[in-house]
Amino acid sequence: MPAPTVVNVGFYNYVMSDRIVALVSSESAPMRRLIQTMRKEGNVIDATQGRRTKSIVFTTGSVIILSAISQETLAKRLNTGDIGLDEE
């Protein structure tokens, strides 16, 4: 059985790549409101380690993951298969 592919979403926090649905910038007001709503519902995993949220990772479940890494970098890691051991 092949090992599952994971992606580093920052600070050695990993997400299964087959569970990722979308990578979205957190800059817009609607995304900020979505984060607050999801946080109240308890459906947010904060992987920013206190840093500014640059991207939101939507998963196949009802959970979103906040990352301090840009969605461009995360998309590059997904496309190349690089799990991102070097931190930004």
Protein backbone atom coordinates (compact mmCIF):
# COMPACT_ATOMS: atom_id res chain seq x y z
CA MET A 1 0.00 0.00 0.00
CA PRO A 2 1.55 3.35 -1.02
CA ALA A 3 2.19 5.94 1.66
CA PRO A 4 -0.39 8.73 1.74
CA THR A 5 0.75 12.04 0.27
CA VAL A 6 0.80 14.96 2.66
CA VAL A 7 1.44 18.69 2.22
CA ASN A 8 3.08 20.93 4.79
CA VAL A 9 0.70 23.85 5.42
CA GLY A 10 3.20 25.56 7.71
CA PHE A 11 5.22 24.96 10.82
CA TYR A 12 5.33 21.19 10.29
CA ASN A 13 1.54 20.85 10.15
CA TYR A 14 0.46 18.46 7.41
CA VAL A 15 -2.75 17.85 5.46
CA MET A 16 -3.56 14.79 3.39
CA SER A 17 -3.38 16.01 -0.20
CA ASP A 18 -6.34 13.90 -1.30
CA ARG A 19 -8.54 15.72 1.26
CA ILE A 20 -7.81 19.21 -0.16
CA VAL A 21 -10.64 20.69 -2.21
CA ALA A 22 -9.53 24.32 -2.62
CA LEU A 23 -6.78 26.78 -1.68
CA VAL A 24 -8.15 30.31 -1.27
CA SER A 25 -6.63 33.65 -0.32
CA SER A 26 -7.87 35.00 3.00
CA GLU A 27 -7.65 38.65 1.94
CA SER A 28 -11.29 39.25 0.98
CA ALA A 29 -13.99 40.31 3.43
CA PRO A 30 -16.24 37.32 2.61
CA MET A 31 -13.42 34.90 3.44
CA ARG A 32 -12.74 36.73 6.70
CA ARG A 33 -16.44 36.43 7.61
CA LEU A 34 -16.38 32.74 6.69
CA ILE A 35 -13.41 32.20 9.01
CA GLN A 36 -15.26 33.86 11.90
CA THR A 37 -18.41 31.83 11.25
CA MET A 38 -16.52 28.56 10.99
CA ARG A 39 -14.47 29.40 14.11
CA LYS A 40 -17.71 29.86 16.12
CA GLU A 41 -18.89 26.46 14.90
CA GLY A 42 -15.57 24.87 15.88
CA ASN A 43 -14.65 23.88 12.32
CA VAL A 44 -11.32 25.72 12.03
CA ILE A 45 -7.84 24.31 12.40
CA ASP A 46 -5.40 27.18 12.88
CA ALA A 47 -1.95 26.18 11.58
CA THR A 48 -0.57 29.76 11.54
CA GLN A 49 1.25 29.62 14.88
CA GLY A 50 0.05 33.16 15.60
CA ARG A 51 1.15 34.62 12.29
CA ARG A 52 -1.02 36.37 9.71
CA THR A 53 -3.38 34.07 7.82
CA LYS A 54 -2.48 34.12 4.12
CA SER A 55 -4.57 31.23 2.83
CA ILE A 56 -7.48 28.99 3.66
CA VAL A 57 -7.40 25.28 2.86
CA PHE A 58 -10.84 23.81 2.26
CA THR A 59 -11.07 20.07 2.92
CA THR A 60 -13.53 17.35 1.94
CA GLY A 61 -14.99 17.47 5.44
CA SER A 62 -16.61 20.50 7.02
CA VAL A 63 -13.26 21.79 8.30
CA ILE A 64 -11.10 24.63 7.00
CA ILE A 65 -7.41 24.99 7.76
CA LEU A 66 -5.78 28.41 8.16
CA SER A 67 -2.21 28.69 6.87
CA ALA A 68 0.47 31.38 7.07
CA ILE A 69 1.75 30.21 3.68
CA SER A 70 0.37 31.70 0.47
CA GLN A 71 -1.99 29.65 -1.67
CA GLU A 72 0.50 29.92 -4.58
CA THR A 73 3.18 28.17 -2.54
CA LEU A 74 0.76 25.52 -1.33
CA ALA A 75 -0.47 24.91 -4.89
CA LYS A 76 3.12 24.56 -6.07
CA ARG A 77 3.76 21.99 -3.34
CA LEU A 78 0.66 20.05 -4.41
CA ASN A 79 1.59 20.10 -8.10
CA THR A 80 5.23 19.11 -7.63
CA GLY A 81 4.59 16.56 -4.91
CA ASP A 82 6.95 18.47 -2.63
CA ILE A 83 5.73 18.07 0.94
CA GLY A 84 7.40 21.35 1.91
CA LEU A 85 9.91 20.43 4.56
CA ASP A 86 11.62 23.79 4.20
CA GLU A 87 9.66 26.43 6.08
CA GLU A 88 8.98 29.95 4.81
